[in-house]
């Protein structure tokens, strides 16, 4: 996003507008944190701002400032549809293709609003008039911080906005351990703490709020973990029956894919989760080093994301999906063993 874009966006925001801020299906900490941070910033500027998510999100995100103002689009929410239809500006955060918005896609595609994309995933689409895309950035939340900075409004970051941004940075960097965490990230986080983000409380609310059923699901995940040493690969399967028997709620399997990646010598880890309601197998992929799970997922599982973290799906059964996965590994053996 260049200076000309920023100047034009400032002009666009110089008078009160109806603004919708949305994100991808199955929102995570970065999606919820970025949308709510931007919502509070724009509301402070005098705009009529609404956050709309495609569907529900995990319970551990439901304490974030202004979370109770979010509209969920699923089940044909007429209020959400109306807000999109009357929007002057639509910000799309943490995704770069309208198909990632699930059932919202057709409604968004019909809108004549000015679209502004802020996102850090690879291969952005061209639907937005203004695009702030940076695949090297650790999170969309850090990009929201820099967007506010570009608008010369860094002093407008309240403790509540700082909290929202901190949540997204912390969760998308794995508590600041991923390679995408730069010195700039730490400087941003330091400023957020200075501005009122309570880092200890935020970490506890996100990571230390396990239910008994989630811990039991983690035990099942560990029991189901398989290692393919010749490919330096580990994978976990979770069936719908296993989820149902342990009172699964959205977000309960968050981070389980990293269990495989934590094994010494493993470079590629996946989790395959059966979702009979949607008729798919949801896949999360993680890697270390030079192996691109973004390319792997795009090539084989209708997905994508980042170099070392991506998502995908399969329309096959769980067992057939695993068979397909194992069958396509041989050509990648050399890359995984480098």
Protein backbone atom coordinates (compact mmCIF):
# COMPACT_ATOMS: atom_id res chain seq x y z
CA UNK A 1 0.00 0.00 0.00
CA UNK A 2 1.73 3.15 -1.23
CA UNK A 3 1.43 6.78 -0.16
CA UNK A 4 -1.12 7.49 -2.90
CA UNK A 5 -3.37 4.70 -1.60
CA UNK A 6 -3.09 5.98 1.96
CA UNK A 7 -3.93 9.52 0.82
CA UNK A 8 -7.00 8.27 -1.05
CA UNK A 9 -8.13 6.13 1.90
CA UNK A 10 -7.77 9.12 4.20
CA UNK A 11 -9.99 11.09 1.80
CA UNK A 12 -12.45 8.21 1.73
CA UNK A 13 -12.58 8.17 5.52
CA UNK A 14 -12.76 11.95 5.91
CA UNK A 15 -16.56 11.80 6.23
CA UNK A 16 -18.81 9.32 8.02
CA UNK A 17 -19.30 6.05 6.11
CA UNK A 18 -21.14 2.76 6.52
CA UNK A 19 -18.31 0.25 6.87
CA UNK A 20 -18.33 -3.54 7.05
CA UNK A 21 -15.26 -5.39 8.29
CA UNK A 22 -15.16 -9.11 7.60
CA UNK A 23 -12.81 -12.06 7.65
CA UNK A 24 -12.49 -15.71 6.65
CA UNK A 25 -14.67 -18.67 7.56
CA UNK A 26 -13.83 -20.30 10.90
CA UNK A 27 -12.13 -17.17 12.29
CA UNK A 28 -9.05 -17.54 14.49
CA UNK A 29 -7.34 -15.16 16.91
CA UNK A 30 -5.76 -13.08 14.17
CA UNK A 31 -9.07 -12.75 12.31
CA UNK A 32 -11.09 -11.72 15.38
CA UNK A 33 -8.33 -9.53 16.80
CA UNK A 34 -7.74 -7.63 13.55
CA UNK A 35 -11.41 -7.05 12.75
CA UNK A 36 -12.24 -5.81 16.24
CA UNK A 37 -9.15 -3.58 16.41
CA UNK A 38 -10.02 -1.94 13.09
CA UNK A 39 -13.69 -1.67 14.09
CA UNK A 40 -12.85 0.25 17.26
CA UNK A 41 -10.42 2.51 15.40
CA UNK A 42 -12.94 3.36 12.67
CA UNK A 43 -15.75 3.83 15.18
CA UNK A 44 -13.58 6.36 17.04
CA UNK A 45 -13.24 8.25 13.75
CA UNK A 46 -17.03 8.56 13.58
CA UNK A 47 -17.90 5.79 11.14
CA UNK A 48 -20.79 3.34 11.36
CA UNK A 49 -18.67 0.21 11.57
CA UNK A 50 -19.90 -3.40 11.75
CA UNK A 51 -17.87 -6.60 12.08
CA UNK A 52 -19.41 -9.61 10.31
CA UNK A 53 -17.89 -13.07 10.49
CA UNK A 54 -18.94 -15.90 8.16
CA UNK A 55 -19.67 -18.20 11.09
CA UNK A 56 -19.00 -18.98 14.74
CA UNK A 57 -15.55 -18.90 16.36
CA UNK A 58 -13.93 -20.52 19.45
CA UNK A 59 -15.11 -19.79 22.98
CA UNK A 60 -11.61 -18.74 24.05
CA UNK A 61 -11.93 -15.63 21.85
CA UNK A 62 -15.23 -14.46 23.33
CA UNK A 63 -13.77 -12.09 25.91
CA UNK A 64 -11.97 -9.78 23.46
CA UNK A 65 -13.12 -6.12 23.65
CA UNK A 66 -16.26 -5.47 21.53
CA UNK A 67 -16.60 -9.17 20.67
CA UNK A 68 -20.28 -9.08 21.62
CA UNK A 69 -20.95 -6.63 18.76
CA UNK A 70 -19.98 -9.14 16.05
CA UNK A 71 -22.67 -10.29 13.61
CA UNK A 72 -22.50 -13.88 12.33
CA UNK A 73 -23.53 -14.37 8.72
CA UNK A 74 -24.36 -18.07 8.80
CA UNK A 75 -27.98 -19.23 8.70
CA UNK A 76 -28.86 -16.30 6.45
CA UNK A 77 -28.58 -13.50 8.99
CA UNK A 78 -30.78 -10.79 7.45
CA UNK A 79 -29.15 -8.04 9.51
CA UNK A 80 -25.69 -9.04 8.27
CA UNK A 81 -26.89 -9.14 4.66
CA UNK A 82 -28.48 -5.69 5.05
CA UNK A 83 -25.25 -4.23 6.50
CA UNK A 84 -23.25 -5.55 3.54
CA UNK A 85 -25.78 -4.23 1.03
CA UNK A 86 -25.68 -0.70 2.44
CA UNK A 87 -21.91 -0.58 3.04
CA UNK A 88 -19.87 2.20 1.43
CA UNK A 89 -16.60 0.48 2.30
CA UNK A 90 -15.82 -3.19 2.98
CA UNK A 91 -12.55 -4.17 4.65
CA UNK A 92 -11.58 -7.82 4.15
CA UNK A 93 -9.02 -8.93 6.71
CA UNK A 94 -6.86 -12.04 7.00
CA UNK A 95 -7.96 -13.52 3.68
CA UNK A 96 -7.37 -12.60 0.05
CA UNK A 97 -9.98 -14.45 -1.99
CA UNK A 98 -13.74 -14.05 -1.53
CA UNK A 99 -14.22 -17.83 -1.60
CA UNK A 100 -12.58 -17.92 1.84
CA UNK A 101 -15.63 -16.12 3.24
CA UNK A 102 -17.86 -19.18 2.89
CA UNK A 103 -21.56 -18.45 2.47
CA UNK A 104 -20.83 -14.72 2.41
CA UNK A 105 -19.06 -14.93 -0.95
CA UNK A 106 -22.03 -14.26 -3.22
CA UNK A 107 -23.30 -11.37 -1.09
CA UNK A 108 -19.86 -9.76 -1.00
CA UNK A 109 -19.39 -10.27 -4.74
CA UNK A 110 -22.61 -8.36 -5.47
CA UNK A 111 -21.59 -5.36 -3.37
CA UNK A 112 -20.70 -2.07 -5.06
CA UNK A 113 -18.77 -0.88 -2.00
CA UNK A 114 -15.10 0.09 -2.14
CA UNK A 115 -13.10 -2.96 -1.06
CA UNK A 116 -9.92 -2.65 1.01
CA UNK A 117 -7.88 -5.81 1.60
CA UNK A 118 -5.43 -6.16 4.49
CA UNK A 119 -3.84 -9.62 4.53
CA UNK A 120 -0.59 -11.56 4.82
CA UNK A 121 -1.35 -14.73 2.83
CA UNK A 122 0.21 -15.66 -0.48
CA UNK A 123 -1.27 -15.07 -3.95
CA UNK A 124 -3.88 -12.35 -3.31
CA UNK A 125 -6.85 -12.02 -5.63
CA UNK A 126 -7.73 -8.77 -7.44
CA UNK A 127 -11.22 -7.96 -6.07
CA UNK A 128 -10.11 -5.04 -3.86
CA UNK A 129 -9.45 -1.46 -5.02
CA UNK A 130 -6.88 -0.97 -2.27
CA UNK A 131 -4.57 -3.81 -1.26
CA UNK A 132 -2.21 -3.97 1.69
CA UNK A 133 -0.58 -7.37 1.22
CA UNK A 134 2.64 -8.48 2.89
CA UNK A 135 3.40 -12.21 3.06
CA UNK A 136 6.44 -11.57 5.24
CA UNK A 137 4.29 -10.09 8.00
CA UNK A 138 3.60 -12.41 10.94
CA UNK A 139 -0.08 -11.54 11.25
CA UNK A 140 -2.86 -9.37 9.94
CA UNK A 141 -3.03 -7.81 13.40
CA UNK A 142 0.49 -6.43 13.02
CA UNK A 143 -0.59 -5.06 9.64
CA UNK A 144 -3.54 -3.30 11.32
CA UNK A 145 -1.05 -1.66 13.69
CA UNK A 146 1.02 -0.47 10.71
CA UNK A 147 -2.14 0.63 8.86
CA UNK A 148 -3.11 2.85 11.79
CA UNK A 149 0.50 4.04 11.86
CA UNK A 150 0.33 4.91 8.14
CA UNK A 151 -2.84 6.89 8.87
CA UNK A 152 -0.81 8.93 11.42
CA UNK A 153 -3.17 7.80 14.17
CA UNK A 154 -0.91 5.67 16.35
CA UNK A 155 -1.95 7.80 19.33
CA UNK A 156 -5.54 6.58 18.83
CA UNK A 157 -4.63 3.03 19.87
CA UNK A 158 -6.53 2.51 23.12
CA UNK A 159 -5.89 -0.28 25.66
CA UNK A 160 -8.81 -2.15 24.06
CA UNK A 161 -7.41 -1.84 20.52
CA UNK A 162 -3.96 -2.79 21.82
CA UNK A 163 -5.45 -5.90 23.39
CA UNK A 164 -7.13 -6.96 20.13
CA UNK A 165 -3.93 -6.50 18.14
CA UNK A 166 -1.84 -8.33 20.74
CA UNK A 167 -4.19 -11.35 20.59
CA UNK A 168 -3.70 -11.76 16.84
CA UNK A 169 0.05 -11.32 16.91
CA UNK A 170 0.48 -13.72 19.81
CA UNK A 171 -1.70 -16.48 18.33
CA UNK A 172 -0.40 -16.24 14.76
CA UNK A 173 3.23 -16.36 15.90
CA UNK A 174 2.75 -19.30 18.27
CA UNK A 175 3.52 -17.03 21.23
CA UNK A 176 6.30 -15.28 19.28
CA UNK A 177 8.27 -18.41 18.38
CA UNK A 178 7.69 -18.67 14.61
CA UNK A 179 10.26 -17.39 12.13
CA UNK A 180 7.85 -14.67 10.99
CA UNK A 181 8.33 -13.00 14.39
CA UNK A 182 10.77 -10.18 13.63
CA UNK A 183 12.45 -7.51 15.70
CA UNK A 184 9.79 -5.14 14.38
CA UNK A 185 7.11 -7.49 15.72
CA UNK A 186 8.67 -7.27 19.18
CA UNK A 187 8.83 -3.47 18.96
CA UNK A 188 5.15 -3.38 18.01
CA UNK A 189 4.28 -5.70 20.90
CA UNK A 190 6.29 -3.55 23.31
CA UNK A 191 4.28 -0.51 22.22
CA UNK A 192 1.02 -2.43 22.62
CA UNK A 193 1.98 -3.30 26.20
CA UNK A 194 2.86 0.34 26.83
CA UNK A 195 -0.56 1.28 25.45
CA UNK A 196 -2.39 -1.03 27.86
CA UNK A 197 -2.35 -4.60 26.55
CA UNK A 198 -2.02 -6.90 29.59
CA UNK A 199 0.21 -9.59 28.09
CA UNK A 200 -0.05 -12.01 31.03
CA UNK A 201 -3.83 -11.84 31.21
CA UNK A 202 -4.20 -12.21 27.43
CA UNK A 203 -1.99 -15.32 27.38
CA UNK A 204 -3.93 -16.89 30.25
CA UNK A 205 -7.30 -16.23 28.62
CA UNK A 206 -6.19 -17.79 25.33
CA UNK A 207 -4.00 -20.69 26.43
CA UNK A 208 -4.95 -21.48 30.03
CA UNK A 209 -8.70 -21.90 29.63
CA UNK A 210 -8.90 -25.57 28.67
CA UNK A 211 -12.03 -27.60 29.31
CA UNK A 212 -11.79 -31.20 30.47
CA UNK A 213 -13.23 -32.37 27.14
CA UNK A 214 -10.55 -30.48 25.18
CA UNK A 215 -7.78 -32.12 27.23
CA UNK A 216 -9.35 -35.51 26.58
CA UNK A 217 -9.46 -34.72 22.85
CA UNK A 218 -5.77 -33.86 23.00
CA UNK A 219 -5.14 -37.28 24.52
CA UNK A 220 -7.02 -38.91 21.63
CA UNK A 221 -5.01 -36.84 19.16
CA UNK A 222 -1.77 -38.07 20.70
CA UNK A 223 -3.03 -41.64 20.66
CA UNK A 224 -3.94 -41.32 16.97
CA UNK A 225 -0.64 -39.73 15.97
CA UNK A 226 1.30 -41.60 13.30
CA UNK A 227 4.90 -41.03 12.21
CA UNK A 228 6.29 -41.71 8.74
CA UNK A 229 10.03 -41.54 9.46
CA UNK A 230 11.12 -41.97 5.83
CA UNK A 231 9.33 -38.70 5.03
CA UNK A 232 10.03 -36.96 8.35
CA UNK A 233 6.27 -36.57 8.57
CA UNK A 234 3.70 -36.97 11.35
CA UNK A 235 -0.07 -36.88 11.07
CA UNK A 236 -3.09 -37.04 13.36
CA UNK A 237 -6.61 -38.20 12.52
CA UNK A 238 -9.77 -37.31 14.42
CA UNK A 239 -13.10 -38.85 13.46
CA UNK A 240 -16.51 -37.26 13.92
CA UNK A 241 -17.35 -40.01 16.40
CA UNK A 242 -14.30 -39.17 18.53
CA UNK A 243 -15.23 -35.50 18.47
CA UNK A 244 -18.86 -36.17 19.39
CA UNK A 245 -17.96 -38.52 22.23
CA UNK A 246 -15.91 -35.74 23.83
CA UNK A 247 -18.36 -32.81 23.48
CA UNK A 248 -16.33 -31.10 20.75
CA UNK A 249 -16.73 -27.34 20.43
CA UNK A 250 -15.27 -25.08 17.76
CA UNK A 251 -11.64 -24.33 18.59
CA UNK A 252 -11.06 -27.44 20.72
CA UNK A 253 -8.53 -28.88 18.26
CA UNK A 254 -6.70 -25.57 17.78
CA UNK A 255 -2.94 -26.16 17.86
CA UNK A 256 -3.13 -29.97 17.86
CA UNK A 257 -1.28 -30.09 14.53
CA UNK A 258 1.80 -28.72 16.29
CA UNK A 259 2.00 -31.84 18.46
CA UNK A 260 3.40 -33.76 15.49
CA UNK A 261 5.76 -30.97 14.54
CA UNK A 262 7.20 -30.96 18.06
CA UNK A 263 8.67 -34.45 17.56
CA UNK A 264 12.42 -34.42 17.03
CA UNK A 265 13.32 -34.79 13.37
CA UNK A 266 9.80 -34.13 12.03
CA UNK A 267 9.58 -31.48 9.30
CA UNK A 268 5.99 -31.93 8.11
CA UNK A 269 2.90 -32.35 10.29
CA UNK A 270 -0.81 -32.56 9.52
CA UNK A 271 -4.11 -33.13 11.27
CA UNK A 272 -7.13 -34.56 9.45
CA UNK A 273 -10.45 -33.78 11.15
CA UNK A 274 -13.70 -35.32 9.96
CA UNK A 275 -16.63 -32.91 9.61
CA UNK A 276 -19.72 -34.87 8.58
CA UNK A 277 -21.90 -31.78 8.79
CA UNK A 278 -20.00 -30.16 5.92
CA UNK A 279 -19.13 -33.46 4.26
CA UNK A 280 -15.40 -32.75 4.29
CA UNK A 281 -12.15 -33.63 6.00
CA UNK A 282 -10.61 -30.43 7.32
CA UNK A 283 -6.80 -30.44 7.06
CA UNK A 284 -4.24 -28.29 8.85
CA UNK A 285 -0.63 -28.46 7.66
CA UNK A 286 2.59 -27.22 9.28
CA UNK A 287 6.25 -27.50 8.34
CA UNK A 288 9.74 -26.47 9.32
CA UNK A 289 12.38 -25.02 7.05
CA UNK A 290 12.09 -24.90 3.28
CA UNK A 291 9.18 -27.28 2.72
CA UNK A 292 6.16 -25.28 1.51
CA UNK A 293 2.86 -26.55 2.89
CA UNK A 294 1.19 -23.71 0.99
CA UNK A 295 2.21 -25.30 -2.32
CA UNK A 296 1.48 -28.82 -1.08
CA UNK A 297 -2.03 -27.88 -0.01
CA UNK A 298 -2.76 -25.90 -3.16
CA UNK A 299 -1.61 -28.80 -5.32
CA UNK A 300 -3.49 -31.57 -3.54
CA UNK A 301 -6.10 -30.35 -1.04
CA UNK A 302 -7.82 -27.23 -2.42
CA UNK A 303 -6.13 -25.03 0.15
CA UNK A 304 -3.22 -22.72 0.80
CA UNK A 305 -1.91 -20.23 3.28
CA UNK A 306 1.68 -19.56 4.27
CA UNK A 307 4.97 -21.25 3.50
CA UNK A 308 5.05 -23.11 6.84
CA UNK A 309 1.36 -23.04 7.81
CA UNK A 310 -1.63 -23.80 5.62
CA UNK A 311 -5.07 -25.33 5.51
CA UNK A 312 -6.95 -27.54 3.10
CA UNK A 313 -9.84 -29.94 2.72
CA UNK A 314 -10.80 -33.27 1.19
CA UNK A 315 -14.18 -34.46 -0.04
CA UNK A 316 -13.15 -38.10 0.38
CA UNK A 317 -13.76 -40.20 3.48
CA UNK A 318 -11.26 -39.95 6.32
CA UNK A 319 -9.60 -43.27 5.45
CA UNK A 320 -9.51 -42.49 1.73
CA UNK A 321 -8.04 -39.06 2.46
CA UNK A 322 -5.22 -40.66 4.44
CA UNK A 323 -4.62 -43.17 1.64
CA UNK A 324 -4.44 -40.32 -0.87
CA UNK A 325 -2.08 -38.36 1.36
CA UNK A 326 0.33 -41.27 1.80
CA UNK A 327 0.20 -42.05 -1.93
CA UNK A 328 1.32 -38.54 -2.93
CA UNK A 329 4.25 -38.34 -0.50
CA UNK A 330 6.95 -40.24 -2.47
CA UNK A 331 7.80 -37.36 -4.89
CA UNK A 332 8.40 -35.14 -1.87
CA UNK A 333 10.80 -37.51 -0.11
CA UNK A 334 13.98 -35.72 -1.18
CA UNK A 335 12.62 -32.28 -0.26
CA UNK A 336 11.56 -33.52 3.17
CA UNK A 337 14.92 -35.15 3.81
CA UNK A 338 17.08 -32.21 2.80
